[in-house]
């Protein structure tokens, strides 16, 4: 009962939809050792992601060398949160706010993460 023309149009629609989904996917190619990426990740380029991770790691190297950048959560095209690890029984170690200002990514406040644990 289906005509060939209807099948061709259906296949074209499936192809066009899959192409649109792949174009809308994040342009960041995660590599081994990279933190996870979530939120509005489609707003970042690969170069932005690398600059964010570099800024976070430079801050952590001096202030909290026991922490690592575990996850990058994209809020806007100019603001992200870098969640710190490793996670333990109390959760994540904290976050760093990273923003793009004057064309470069900078940690807004590079303070050692603090947690008060009451047992």
PDB file of N, CA and C in Angstrom:
ATOM      1  N   UNK A   1       0.803  -1.194   0.000  1.00  0.00           N
ATOM      2  CA  UNK A   1       0.000   0.000   0.000  1.00  0.00           C
ATOM      3  C   UNK A   1       0.855   1.270   0.000  1.00  0.00           C
ATOM      4  N   UNK A   2       2.118   1.147   0.456  1.00  0.00           N
ATOM      5  CA  UNK A   2       2.989   2.313   0.476  1.00  0.00           C
ATOM      6  C   UNK A   2       3.586   2.527  -0.902  1.00  0.00           C
ATOM      7  N   UNK A   3       3.649   3.746  -1.313  1.00  0.00           N
ATOM      8  CA  UNK A   3       4.260   4.040  -2.602  1.00  0.00           C
ATOM      9  C   UNK A   3       5.757   4.275  -2.404  1.00  0.00           C
ATOM     10  N   UNK A   4       6.488   4.123  -3.448  1.00  0.00           N
ATOM     11  CA  UNK A   4       7.936   4.327  -3.400  1.00  0.00           C
ATOM     12  C   UNK A   4       8.270   5.774  -3.032  1.00  0.00           C
ATOM     13  N   UNK A   5       7.501   6.713  -3.550  1.00  0.00           N
ATOM     14  CA  UNK A   5       7.732   8.130  -3.252  1.00  0.00           C
ATOM     15  C   UNK A   5       7.560   8.428  -1.776  1.00  0.00           C
ATOM     16  N   UNK A   6       6.570   7.792  -1.153  1.00  0.00           N
ATOM     17  CA  UNK A   6       6.332   7.998   0.273  1.00  0.00           C
ATOM     18  C   UNK A   6       7.478   7.428   1.095  1.00  0.00           C
ATOM     19  N   UNK A   7       8.000   6.275   0.688  1.00  0.00           N
ATOM     20  CA  UNK A   7       9.127   5.673   1.388  1.00  0.00           C
ATOM     21  C   UNK A   7      10.383   6.540   1.259  1.00  0.00           C
ATOM     22  N   UNK A   8      10.613   7.086   0.068  1.00  0.00           N
ATOM     23  CA  UNK A   8      11.787   7.940  -0.150  1.00  0.00           C
ATOM     24  C   UNK A   8      11.676   9.194   0.712  1.00  0.00           C
ATOM     25  N   UNK A   9      10.486   9.798   0.768  1.00  0.00           N
ATOM     26  CA  UNK A   9      10.295  10.983   1.607  1.00  0.00           C
ATOM     27  C   UNK A   9      10.488  10.642   3.076  1.00  0.00           C
ATOM     28  N   UNK A  10      10.039   9.487   3.495  1.00  0.00           N
ATOM     29  CA  UNK A  10      10.219   9.060   4.888  1.00  0.00           C
ATOM     30  C   UNK A  10      11.683   8.863   5.228  1.00  0.00           C
ATOM     31  N   UNK A  11      12.431   8.220   4.332  1.00  0.00           N
ATOM     32  CA  UNK A  11      13.855   8.031   4.551  1.00  0.00           C
ATOM     33  C   UNK A  11      14.593   9.364   4.573  1.00  0.00           C
ATOM     34  N   UNK A  12      14.193  10.279   3.690  1.00  0.00           N
ATOM     35  CA  UNK A  12      14.803  11.602   3.676  1.00  0.00           C
ATOM     36  C   UNK A  12      14.545  12.320   4.997  1.00  0.00           C
ATOM     37  N   UNK A  13      13.342  12.212   5.522  1.00  0.00           N
ATOM     38  CA  UNK A  13      13.005  12.847   6.791  1.00  0.00           C
ATOM     39  C   UNK A  13      13.842  12.269   7.928  1.00  0.00           C
ATOM     40  N   UNK A  14      14.008  10.956   7.952  1.00  0.00           N
ATOM     41  CA  UNK A  14      14.835  10.322   8.982  1.00  0.00           C
ATOM     42  C   UNK A  14      16.280  10.792   8.861  1.00  0.00           C
ATOM     43  N   UNK A  15      16.801  10.854   7.653  1.00  0.00           N
ATOM     44  CA  UNK A  15      18.169  11.312   7.429  1.00  0.00           C
ATOM     45  C   UNK A  15      18.336  12.771   7.863  1.00  0.00           C
ATOM     46  N   UNK A  16      17.406  13.628   7.473  1.00  0.00           N
ATOM     47  CA  UNK A  16      17.485  15.052   7.827  1.00  0.00           C
ATOM     48  C   UNK A  16      17.418  15.242   9.336  1.00  0.00           C
ATOM     49  N   UNK A  17      16.583  14.469  10.013  1.00  0.00           N
ATOM     50  CA  UNK A  17      16.469  14.567  11.464  1.00  0.00           C
ATOM     51  C   UNK A  17      17.757  14.125  12.139  1.00  0.00           C
ATOM     52  N   UNK A  18      18.329  13.019  11.701  1.00  0.00           N
ATOM     53  CA  UNK A  18      19.575  12.545  12.308  1.00  0.00           C
ATOM     54  C   UNK A  18      20.714  13.517  12.042  1.00  0.00           C
ATOM     55  N   UNK A  19      20.729  14.156  10.898  1.00  0.00           N
ATOM     56  CA  UNK A  19      21.748  15.154  10.589  1.00  0.00           C
ATOM     57  C   UNK A  19      21.590  16.373  11.497  1.00  0.00           C
ATOM     58  N   UNK A  20      20.365  16.813  11.712  1.00  0.00           N
ATOM     59  CA  UNK A  20      20.119  17.963  12.588  1.00  0.00           C
ATOM     60  C   UNK A  20      20.545  17.660  14.014  1.00  0.00           C
ATOM     61  N   UNK A  21      20.293  16.451  14.491  1.00  0.00           N
ATOM     62  CA  UNK A  21      20.692  16.075  15.845  1.00  0.00           C
ATOM     63  C   UNK A  21      22.205  16.047  15.965  1.00  0.00           C
ATOM     64  N   UNK A  22      22.903  15.538  14.963  1.00  0.00           N
ATOM     65  CA  UNK A  22      24.357  15.481  15.039  1.00  0.00           C
ATOM     66  C   UNK A  22      24.978  16.869  14.962  1.00  0.00           C
ATOM     67  N   UNK A  23      24.378  17.787  14.236  1.00  0.00           N
ATOM     68  CA  UNK A  23      24.886  19.153  14.154  1.00  0.00           C
ATOM     69  C   UNK A  23      24.663  19.875  15.473  1.00  0.00           C
ATOM     70  N   UNK A  24      23.559  19.577  16.158  1.00  0.00           N
ATOM     71  CA  UNK A  24      23.247  20.229  17.427  1.00  0.00           C
ATOM     72  C   UNK A  24      24.066  19.668  18.582  1.00  0.00           C
ATOM     73  N   UNK A  25      24.757  18.567  18.375  1.00  0.00           N
ATOM     74  CA  UNK A  25      25.559  17.962  19.440  1.00  0.00           C
ATOM     75  C   UNK A  25      26.747  18.853  19.772  1.00  0.00           C
ATOM     76  N   UNK A  26      27.331  18.613  20.919  1.00  0.00           N
ATOM     77  CA  UNK A  26      28.451  19.421  21.395  1.00  0.00           C
ATOM     78  C   UNK A  26      29.633  19.340  20.427  1.00  0.00           C
ATOM     79  N   UNK A  27      30.252  20.494  20.120  1.00  0.00           N
ATOM     80  CA  UNK A  27      31.429  20.484  19.257  1.00  0.00           C
ATOM     81  C   UNK A  27      32.708  20.099  19.998  1.00  0.00           C
ATOM     82  N   UNK A  28      32.604  19.806  21.291  1.00  0.00           N
ATOM     83  CA  UNK A  28      33.769  19.453  22.093  1.00  0.00           C
ATOM     84  C   UNK A  28      34.036  17.954  21.967  1.00  0.00           C
ATOM     85  N   UNK A  29      35.257  17.612  21.635  1.00  0.00           N
ATOM     86  CA  UNK A  29      35.659  16.207  21.557  1.00  0.00           C
ATOM     87  C   UNK A  29      36.420  15.872  22.834  1.00  0.00           C
ATOM     88  N   UNK A  30      35.766  15.141  23.732  1.00  0.00           N
ATOM     89  CA  UNK A  30      36.417  14.779  24.992  1.00  0.00           C
ATOM     90  C   UNK A  30      37.517  13.760  24.746  1.00  0.00           C
ATOM     91  N   UNK A  31      38.623  13.943  25.459  1.00  0.00           N
ATOM     92  CA  UNK A  31      39.778  13.047  25.357  1.00  0.00           C
ATOM     93  C   UNK A  31      39.968  12.350  26.692  1.00  0.00           C
ATOM     94  N   UNK A  32      40.718  11.251  26.711  1.00  0.00           N
ATOM     95  CA  UNK A  32      40.995  10.586  27.995  1.00  0.00           C
ATOM     96  C   UNK A  32      41.640  11.569  28.971  1.00  0.00           C
ATOM     97  N   UNK A  33      41.151  11.577  30.198  1.00  0.00           N
ATOM     98  CA  UNK A  33      41.667  12.484  31.211  1.00  0.00           C
ATOM     99  C   UNK A  33      40.911  13.798  31.315  1.00  0.00           C
ATOM    100  N   UNK A  34      40.038  14.078  30.342  1.00  0.00           N
ATOM    101  CA  UNK A  34      39.226  15.291  30.402  1.00  0.00           C
ATOM    102  C   UNK A  34      38.111  15.130  31.420  1.00  0.00           C
ATOM    103  N   UNK A  35      37.698  16.245  32.034  1.00  0.00           N
ATOM    104  CA  UNK A  35      36.517  16.169  32.895  1.00  0.00           C
ATOM    105  C   UNK A  35      35.265  15.972  32.040  1.00  0.00           C
ATOM    106  N   UNK A  36      34.212  15.504  32.676  1.00  0.00           N
ATOM    107  CA  UNK A  36      32.934  15.349  31.973  1.00  0.00           C
ATOM    108  C   UNK A  36      32.411  16.730  31.594  1.00  0.00           C
ATOM    109  N   UNK A  37      31.476  16.776  30.672  1.00  0.00           N
ATOM    110  CA  UNK A  37      30.914  18.032  30.194  1.00  0.00           C
ATOM    111  C   UNK A  37      29.403  17.893  30.165  1.00  0.00           C
ATOM    112  N   UNK A  38      28.697  18.846  30.798  1.00  0.00           N
ATOM    113  CA  UNK A  38      27.237  18.804  30.757  1.00  0.00           C
ATOM    114  C   UNK A  38      26.661  20.209  30.770  1.00  0.00           C
ATOM    115  N   UNK A  39      25.357  20.306  30.886  1.00  0.00           N
ATOM    116  CA  UNK A  39      24.690  21.599  30.804  1.00  0.00           C
ATOM    117  C   UNK A  39      24.517  21.986  29.347  1.00  0.00           C
ATOM    118  N   UNK A  40      24.667  23.259  29.052  1.00  0.00           N
ATOM    119  CA  UNK A  40      24.501  23.775  27.692  1.00  0.00           C
ATOM    120  C   UNK A  40      25.819  23.673  26.930  1.00  0.00           C
ATOM    121  N   UNK A  41      26.322  22.445  26.829  1.00  0.00           N
ATOM    122  CA  UNK A  41      27.644  22.205  26.251  1.00  0.00           C
ATOM    123  C   UNK A  41      27.760  22.627  24.794  1.00  0.00           C
ATOM    124  N   UNK A  42      26.640  22.729  24.090  1.00  0.00           N
ATOM    125  CA  UNK A  42      26.657  23.148  22.692  1.00  0.00           C
ATOM    126  C   UNK A  42      27.103  24.610  22.526  1.00  0.00           C
ATOM    127  N   UNK A  43      27.165  25.358  23.639  1.00  0.00           N
ATOM    128  CA  UNK A  43      27.592  26.761  23.585  1.00  0.00           C
ATOM    129  C   UNK A  43      29.104  26.928  23.569  1.00  0.00           C
ATOM    130  N   UNK A  44      29.845  25.861  23.834  1.00  0.00           N
ATOM    131  CA  UNK A  44      31.309  25.942  23.907  1.00  0.00           C
ATOM    132  C   UNK A  44      31.964  25.327  22.690  1.00  0.00           C
ATOM    133  N   UNK A  45      33.067  25.928  22.271  1.00  0.00           N
ATOM    134  CA  UNK A  45      33.913  25.302  21.255  1.00  0.00           C
ATOM    135  C   UNK A  45      34.919  24.408  21.971  1.00  0.00           C
ATOM    136  N   UNK A  46      35.621  23.608  21.212  1.00  0.00           N
ATOM    137  CA  UNK A  46      36.648  22.762  21.794  1.00  0.00           C
ATOM    138  C   UNK A  46      37.745  23.630  22.420  1.00  0.00           C
ATOM    139  N   UNK A  47      38.099  24.735  21.754  1.00  0.00           N
ATOM    140  CA  UNK A  47      39.125  25.638  22.294  1.00  0.00           C
ATOM    141  C   UNK A  47      38.669  26.267  23.610  1.00  0.00           C
ATOM    142  N   UNK A  48      37.386  26.631  23.715  1.00  0.00           N
ATOM    143  CA  UNK A  48      36.854  27.167  24.975  1.00  0.00           C
ATOM    144  C   UNK A  48      36.985  26.137  26.090  1.00  0.00           C
ATOM    145  N   UNK A  49      36.584  24.903  25.798  1.00  0.00           N
ATOM    146  CA  UNK A  49      36.645  23.837  26.798  1.00  0.00           C
ATOM    147  C   UNK A  49      38.081  23.650  27.288  1.00  0.00           C
ATOM    148  N   UNK A  50      39.030  23.613  26.365  1.00  0.00           N
ATOM    149  CA  UNK A  50      40.445  23.424  26.739  1.00  0.00           C
ATOM    150  C   UNK A  50      40.940  24.594  27.602  1.00  0.00           C
ATOM    151  N   UNK A  51      40.526  25.822  27.274  1.00  0.00           N
ATOM    152  CA  UNK A  51      40.935  26.990  28.055  1.00  0.00           C
ATOM    153  C   UNK A  51      40.327  26.963  29.454  1.00  0.00           C
ATOM    154  N   UNK A  52      39.088  26.533  29.572  1.00  0.00           N
ATOM    155  CA  UNK A  52      38.417  26.433  30.872  1.00  0.00           C
ATOM    156  C   UNK A  52      39.133  25.414  31.752  1.00  0.00           C
ATOM    157  N   UNK A  53      39.407  24.253  31.197  1.00  0.00           N
ATOM    158  CA  UNK A  53      40.076  23.191  31.956  1.00  0.00           C
ATOM    159  C   UNK A  53      41.474  23.642  32.361  1.00  0.00           C
ATOM    160  N   UNK A  54      42.174  24.310  31.476  1.00  0.00           N
ATOM    161  CA  UNK A  54      43.521  24.801  31.787  1.00  0.00           C
ATOM    162  C   UNK A  54      43.485  25.822  32.917  1.00  0.00           C
ATOM    163  N   UNK A  55      42.535  26.756  32.876  1.00  0.00           N
ATOM    164  CA  UNK A  55      42.422  27.769  33.936  1.00  0.00           C
ATOM    165  C   UNK A  55      42.093  27.111  35.276  1.00  0.00           C
ATOM    166  N   UNK A  56      41.187  26.145  35.262  1.00  0.00           N
ATOM    167  CA  UNK A  56      40.807  25.453  36.506  1.00  0.00           C
ATOM    168  C   UNK A  56      41.984  24.661  37.063  1.00  0.00           C
ATOM    169  N   UNK A  57      42.706  23.953  36.207  1.00  0.00           N
ATOM    170  CA  UNK A  57      43.846  23.150  36.678  1.00  0.00           C
ATOM    171  C   UNK A  57      44.964  24.025  37.217  1.00  0.00           C
ATOM    172  N   UNK A  58      45.196  25.195  36.605  1.00  0.00           N
ATOM    173  CA  UNK A  58      46.233  26.110  37.098  1.00  0.00           C
ATOM    174  C   UNK A  58      45.879  26.615  38.489  1.00  0.00           C
ATOM    175  N   UNK A  59      44.620  26.942  38.707  1.00  0.00           N
ATOM    176  CA  UNK A  59      44.167  27.389  40.025  1.00  0.00           C
ATOM    177  C   UNK A  59      44.328  26.274  41.045  1.00  0.00           C
ATOM    178  N   UNK A  60      43.885  25.089  40.685  1.00  0.00           N
ATOM    179  CA  UNK A  60      43.932  23.965  41.625  1.00  0.00           C
ATOM    180  C   UNK A  60      45.365  23.553  41.949  1.00  0.00           C
ATOM    181  N   UNK A  61      46.253  23.682  41.003  1.00  0.00           N
ATOM    182  CA  UNK A  61      47.649  23.302  41.236  1.00  0.00           C
ATOM    183  C   UNK A  61      48.240  24.095  42.396  1.00  0.00           C
ATOM    184  N   UNK A  62      47.850  25.358  42.525  1.00  0.00           N
ATOM    185  CA  UNK A  62      48.397  26.201  43.589  1.00  0.00           C
ATOM    186  C   UNK A  62      47.576  26.166  44.868  1.00  0.00           C
ATOM    187  N   UNK A  63      46.262  26.078  44.743  1.00  0.00           N
ATOM    188  CA  UNK A  63      45.394  26.216  45.911  1.00  0.00           C
ATOM    189  C   UNK A  63      44.926  24.888  46.507  1.00  0.00           C
ATOM    190  N   UNK A  64      44.725  23.893  45.670  1.00  0.00           N
ATOM    191  CA  UNK A  64      44.194  22.613  46.160  1.00  0.00           C
ATOM    192  C   UNK A  64      44.697  21.477  45.273  1.00  0.00           C
ATOM    193  N   UNK A  65      45.987  21.134  45.379  1.00  0.00           N
ATOM    194  CA  UNK A  65      46.556  20.123  44.487  1.00  0.00           C
ATOM    195  C   UNK A  65      45.953  18.729  44.654  1.00  0.00           C
ATOM    196  N   UNK A  66      45.236  18.487  45.713  1.00  0.00           N
ATOM    197  CA  UNK A  66      44.595  17.184  45.916  1.00  0.00           C
ATOM    198  C   UNK A  66      43.283  17.070  45.131  1.00  0.00           C
ATOM    199  N   UNK A  67      42.811  18.174  44.575  1.00  0.00           N
ATOM    200  CA  UNK A  67      41.558  18.167  43.807  1.00  0.00           C
ATOM    201  C   UNK A  67      41.841  18.134  42.312  1.00  0.00           C
ATOM    202  N   UNK A  68      40.856  17.667  41.575  1.00  0.00           N
ATOM    203  CA  UNK A  68      40.922  17.664  40.122  1.00  0.00           C
ATOM    204  C   UNK A  68      39.636  18.253  39.553  1.00  0.00           C
ATOM    205  N   UNK A  69      39.723  18.730  38.330  1.00  0.00           N
ATOM    206  CA  UNK A  69      38.522  19.165  37.620  1.00  0.00           C
ATOM    207  C   UNK A  69      37.781  17.902  37.197  1.00  0.00           C
ATOM    208  N   UNK A  70      36.607  17.680  37.760  1.00  0.00           N
ATOM    209  CA  UNK A  70      35.869  16.441  37.540  1.00  0.00           C
ATOM    210  C   UNK A  70      34.782  16.586  36.479  1.00  0.00           C
ATOM    211  N   UNK A  71      34.130  17.779  36.474  1.00  0.00           N
ATOM    212  CA  UNK A  71      33.001  17.984  35.565  1.00  0.00           C
ATOM    213  C   UNK A  71      32.871  19.462  35.267  1.00  0.00           C
ATOM    214  N   UNK A  72      32.634  19.799  34.003  1.00  0.00           N
ATOM    215  CA  UNK A  72      32.400  21.180  33.584  1.00  0.00           C
ATOM    216  C   UNK A  72      30.922  21.311  33.260  1.00  0.00           C
ATOM    217  N   UNK A  73      30.237  22.188  33.994  1.00  0.00           N
ATOM    218  CA  UNK A  73      28.810  22.418  33.783  1.00  0.00           C
ATOM    219  C   UNK A  73      28.641  23.787  33.130  1.00  0.00           C
ATOM    220  N   UNK A  74      28.136  23.807  31.894  1.00  0.00           N
ATOM    221  CA  UNK A  74      27.997  25.044  31.132  1.00  0.00           C
ATOM    222  C   UNK A  74      26.672  25.709  31.485  1.00  0.00           C
ATOM    223  N   UNK A  75      26.759  26.952  31.959  1.00  0.00           N
ATOM    224  CA  UNK A  75      25.570  27.716  32.323  1.00  0.00           C
ATOM    225  C   UNK A  75      25.180  28.647  31.171  1.00  0.00           C
ATOM    226  N   UNK A  76      26.132  29.438  30.703  1.00  0.00           N
ATOM    227  CA  UNK A  76      25.934  30.305  29.533  1.00  0.00           C
ATOM    228  C   UNK A  76      27.186  30.209  28.674  1.00  0.00           C
ATOM    229  N   UNK A  77      27.207  30.948  27.581  1.00  0.00           N
ATOM    230  CA  UNK A  77      28.377  30.943  26.699  1.00  0.00           C
ATOM    231  C   UNK A  77      29.591  31.603  27.350  1.00  0.00           C
ATOM    232  N   UNK A  78      29.373  32.312  28.465  1.00  0.00           N
ATOM    233  CA  UNK A  78      30.484  33.002  29.125  1.00  0.00           C
ATOM    234  C   UNK A  78      30.645  32.620  30.592  1.00  0.00           C
ATOM    235  N   UNK A  79      29.879  31.645  31.070  1.00  0.00           N
ATOM    236  CA  UNK A  79      29.968  31.257  32.482  1.00  0.00           C
ATOM    237  C   UNK A  79      29.797  29.752  32.633  1.00  0.00           C
ATOM    238  N   UNK A  80      30.749  29.128  33.358  1.00  0.00           N
ATOM    239  CA  UNK A  80      30.673  27.694  33.640  1.00  0.00           C
ATOM    240  C   UNK A  80      31.031  27.450  35.099  1.00  0.00           C
ATOM    241  N   UNK A  81      30.621  26.302  35.592  1.00  0.00           N
ATOM    242  CA  UNK A  81      31.051  25.827  36.913  1.00  0.00           C
ATOM    243  C   UNK A  81      31.907  24.593  36.691  1.00  0.00           C
ATOM    244  N   UNK A  82      33.058  24.560  37.337  1.00  0.00           N
ATOM    245  CA  UNK A  82      33.909  23.374  37.277  1.00  0.00           C
ATOM    246  C   UNK A  82      33.755  22.664  38.615  1.00  0.00           C
ATOM    247  N   UNK A  83      33.192  21.467  38.576  1.00  0.00           N
ATOM    248  CA  UNK A  83      32.989  20.678  39.790  1.00  0.00           C
ATOM    249  C   UNK A  83      34.267  19.899  40.076  1.00  0.00           C
ATOM    250  N   UNK A  84      34.623  19.866  41.348  1.00  0.00           N
ATOM    251  CA  UNK A  84      35.902  19.296  41.749  1.00  0.00           C
ATOM    252  C   UNK A  84      35.744  17.896  42.312  1.00  0.00           C
ATOM    253  N   UNK A  85      36.768  17.115  42.144  1.00  0.00           N
ATOM    254  CA  UNK A  85      36.788  15.764  42.664  1.00  0.00           C
ATOM    255  C   UNK A  85      38.107  15.527  43.360  1.00  0.00           C
ATOM    256  N   UNK A  86      38.354  14.375  43.852  1.00  0.00           N
ATOM    257  CA  UNK A  86      37.480  13.204  43.710  1.00  0.00           C
ATOM    258  C   UNK A  86      36.293  13.279  44.673  1.00  0.00           C
ATOM    259  N   UNK A  87      35.211  12.642  44.258  1.00  0.00           N
ATOM    260  CA  UNK A  87      34.041  12.572  45.126  1.00  0.00           C
ATOM    261  C   UNK A  87      34.330  11.606  46.264  1.00  0.00           C
ATOM    262  N   UNK A  88      33.770  11.904  47.403  1.00  0.00           N
ATOM    263  CA  UNK A  88      33.905  10.992  48.534  1.00  0.00           C
ATOM    264  C   UNK A  88      32.522  10.751  49.125  1.00  0.00           C
ATOM    265  N   UNK A  89      32.482  10.217  50.321  1.00  0.00           N
ATOM    266  CA  UNK A  89      31.196   9.875  50.921  1.00  0.00           C
ATOM    267  C   UNK A  89      30.316  11.099  51.175  1.00  0.00           C
ATOM    268  N   UNK A  90      30.908  12.300  51.141  1.00  0.00           N
ATOM    269  CA  UNK A  90      30.156  13.527  51.373  1.00  0.00           C
ATOM    270  C   UNK A  90      29.807  14.253  50.081  1.00  0.00           C
ATOM    271  N   UNK A  91      30.211  13.727  48.962  1.00  0.00           N
ATOM    272  CA  UNK A  91      29.901  14.342  47.670  1.00  0.00           C
ATOM    273  C   UNK A  91      31.118  14.968  47.016  1.00  0.00           C
ATOM    274  N   UNK A  92      30.858  15.946  46.166  1.00  0.00           N
ATOM    275  CA  UNK A  92      31.936  16.618  45.452  1.00  0.00           C
ATOM    276  C   UNK A  92      32.715  17.536  46.385  1.00  0.00           C
ATOM    277  N   UNK A  93      33.939  17.842  45.998  1.00  0.00           N
ATOM    278  CA  UNK A  93      34.816  18.681  46.809  1.00  0.00           C
ATOM    279  C   UNK A  93      34.457  20.160  46.740  1.00  0.00           C
ATOM    280  N   UNK A  94      33.673  20.572  45.780  1.00  0.00           N
ATOM    281  CA  UNK A  94      33.293  21.969  45.615  1.00  0.00           C
ATOM    282  C   UNK A  94      33.252  22.342  44.147  1.00  0.00           C
ATOM    283  N   UNK A  95      33.144  23.637  43.865  1.00  0.00           N
ATOM    284  CA  UNK A  95      33.102  24.118  42.490  1.00  0.00           C
ATOM    285  C   UNK A  95      33.975  25.366  42.345  1.00  0.00           C
ATOM    286  N   UNK A  96      34.392  25.604  41.121  1.00  0.00           N
ATOM    287  CA  UNK A  96      35.061  26.848  40.751  1.00  0.00           C
ATOM    288  C   UNK A  96      34.182  27.546  39.726  1.00  0.00           C
ATOM    289  N   UNK A  97      33.969  28.840  39.882  1.00  0.00           N
ATOM    290  CA  UNK A  97      33.257  29.617  38.872  1.00  0.00           C
ATOM    291  C   UNK A  97      34.277  30.134  37.870  1.00  0.00           C
ATOM    292  N   UNK A  98      34.054  29.825  36.607  1.00  0.00           N
ATOM    293  CA  UNK A  98      34.960  30.255  35.544  1.00  0.00           C
ATOM    294  C   UNK A  98      34.145  31.077  34.553  1.00  0.00           C
ATOM    295  N   UNK A  99      34.673  32.256  34.187  1.00  0.00           N
ATOM    296  CA  UNK A  99      33.960  33.140  33.268  1.00  0.00           C
ATOM    297  C   UNK A  99      34.886  33.637  32.175  1.00  0.00           C
ATOM    298  N   UNK A 100      34.273  33.920  31.029  1.00  0.00           N
ATOM    299  CA  UNK A 100      35.038  34.526  29.931  1.00  0.00           C
ATOM    300  C   UNK A 100      34.965  36.037  30.104  1.00  0.00           C
ATOM    301  N   UNK A 101      36.124  36.658  30.261  1.00  0.00           N
ATOM    302  CA  UNK A 101      36.206  38.110  30.357  1.00  0.00           C
ATOM    303  C   UNK A 101      37.304  38.596  29.433  1.00  0.00           C
ATOM    304  N   UNK A 102      36.978  39.585  28.633  1.00  0.00           N
ATOM    305  CA  UNK A 102      37.935  40.164  27.680  1.00  0.00           C
ATOM    306  C   UNK A 102      38.573  39.108  26.792  1.00  0.00           C
ATOM    307  N   UNK A 103      37.772  38.152  26.355  1.00  0.00           N
ATOM    308  CA  UNK A 103      38.227  37.153  25.401  1.00  0.00           C
ATOM    309  C   UNK A 103      38.963  35.957  25.957  1.00  0.00           C
ATOM    310  N   UNK A 104      39.158  35.891  27.278  1.00  0.00           N
ATOM    311  CA  UNK A 104      39.841  34.721  27.833  1.00  0.00           C
ATOM    312  C   UNK A 104      39.071  34.191  29.043  1.00  0.00           C
ATOM    313  N   UNK A 105      39.277  32.919  29.345  1.00  0.00           N
ATOM    314  CA  UNK A 105      38.587  32.257  30.454  1.00  0.00           C
ATOM    315  C   UNK A 105      39.423  32.386  31.718  1.00  0.00           C
ATOM    316  N   UNK A 106      38.770  32.830  32.791  1.00  0.00           N
ATOM    317  CA  UNK A 106      39.462  33.009  34.070  1.00  0.00           C
ATOM    318  C   UNK A 106      38.608  32.461  35.207  1.00  0.00           C
ATOM    319  N   UNK A 107      39.284  31.905  36.201  1.00  0.00           N
ATOM    320  CA  UNK A 107      38.598  31.485  37.421  1.00  0.00           C
ATOM    321  C   UNK A 107      38.263  32.754  38.188  1.00  0.00           C
ATOM    322  N   UNK A 108      36.994  32.955  38.493  1.00  0.00           N
ATOM    323  CA  UNK A 108      36.559  34.183  39.148  1.00  0.00           C
ATOM    324  C   UNK A 108      37.134  34.285  40.546  1.00  0.00           C
ATOM    325  N   UNK A 109      37.081  33.199  41.283  1.00  0.00           N
ATOM    326  CA  UNK A 109      37.660  33.180  42.617  1.00  0.00           C
ATOM    327  C   UNK A 109      38.375  31.860  42.795  1.00  0.00           C
ATOM    328  N   UNK A 110      39.669  31.927  42.958  1.00  0.00           N
ATOM    329  CA  UNK A 110      40.466  30.715  43.107  1.00  0.00           C
ATOM    330  C   UNK A 110      40.789  30.527  44.585  1.00  0.00           C
ATOM    331  N   UNK A 111      39.866  29.955  45.289  1.00  0.00           N
ATOM    332  CA  UNK A 111      40.044  29.701  46.716  1.00  0.00           C
ATOM    333  C   UNK A 111      40.044  28.193  46.932  1.00  0.00           C
ATOM    334  N   UNK A 112      40.825  27.764  47.892  1.00  0.00           N
ATOM    335  CA  UNK A 112      40.847  26.338  48.231  1.00  0.00           C
ATOM    336  C   UNK A 112      39.462  25.929  48.703  1.00  0.00           C
ATOM    337  N   UNK A 113      38.962  24.818  48.199  1.00  0.00           N
ATOM    338  CA  UNK A 113      37.637  24.371  48.650  1.00  0.00           C
ATOM    339  C   UNK A 113      37.635  24.030  50.126  1.00  0.00           C
ATOM    340  N   UNK A 114      36.577  24.437  50.785  1.00  0.00           N
ATOM    341  CA  UNK A 114      36.443  24.142  52.209  1.00  0.00           C
ATOM    342  C   UNK A 114      35.121  23.426  52.441  1.00  0.00           C
ATOM    343  N   UNK A 115      35.155  22.443  53.307  1.00  0.00           N
ATOM    344  CA  UNK A 115      33.930  21.764  53.689  1.00  0.00           C
ATOM    345  C   UNK A 115      33.987  21.522  55.176  1.00  0.00           C
ATOM    346  N   UNK A 116      32.877  21.731  55.808  1.00  0.00           N
ATOM    347  CA  UNK A 116      32.770  21.416  57.229  1.00  0.00           C
ATOM    348  C   UNK A 116      31.949  20.138  57.332  1.00  0.00           C
ATOM    349  N   UNK A 117      32.557  19.110  57.864  1.00  0.00           N
ATOM    350  CA  UNK A 117      31.904  17.804  57.968  1.00  0.00           C
ATOM    351  C   UNK A 117      31.632  17.515  59.437  1.00  0.00           C
ATOM    352  N   UNK A 118      30.393  17.348  59.746  1.00  0.00           N
ATOM    353  CA  UNK A 118      29.991  17.038  61.118  1.00  0.00           C
ATOM    354  C   UNK A 118      29.536  15.590  61.174  1.00  0.00           C
ATOM    355  N   UNK A 119      30.205  14.806  61.944  1.00  0.00           N
ATOM    356  CA  UNK A 119      29.806  13.403  62.073  1.00  0.00           C
ATOM    357  C   UNK A 119      29.136  13.172  63.404  1.00  0.00           C
TER     358      UNK A 119
END
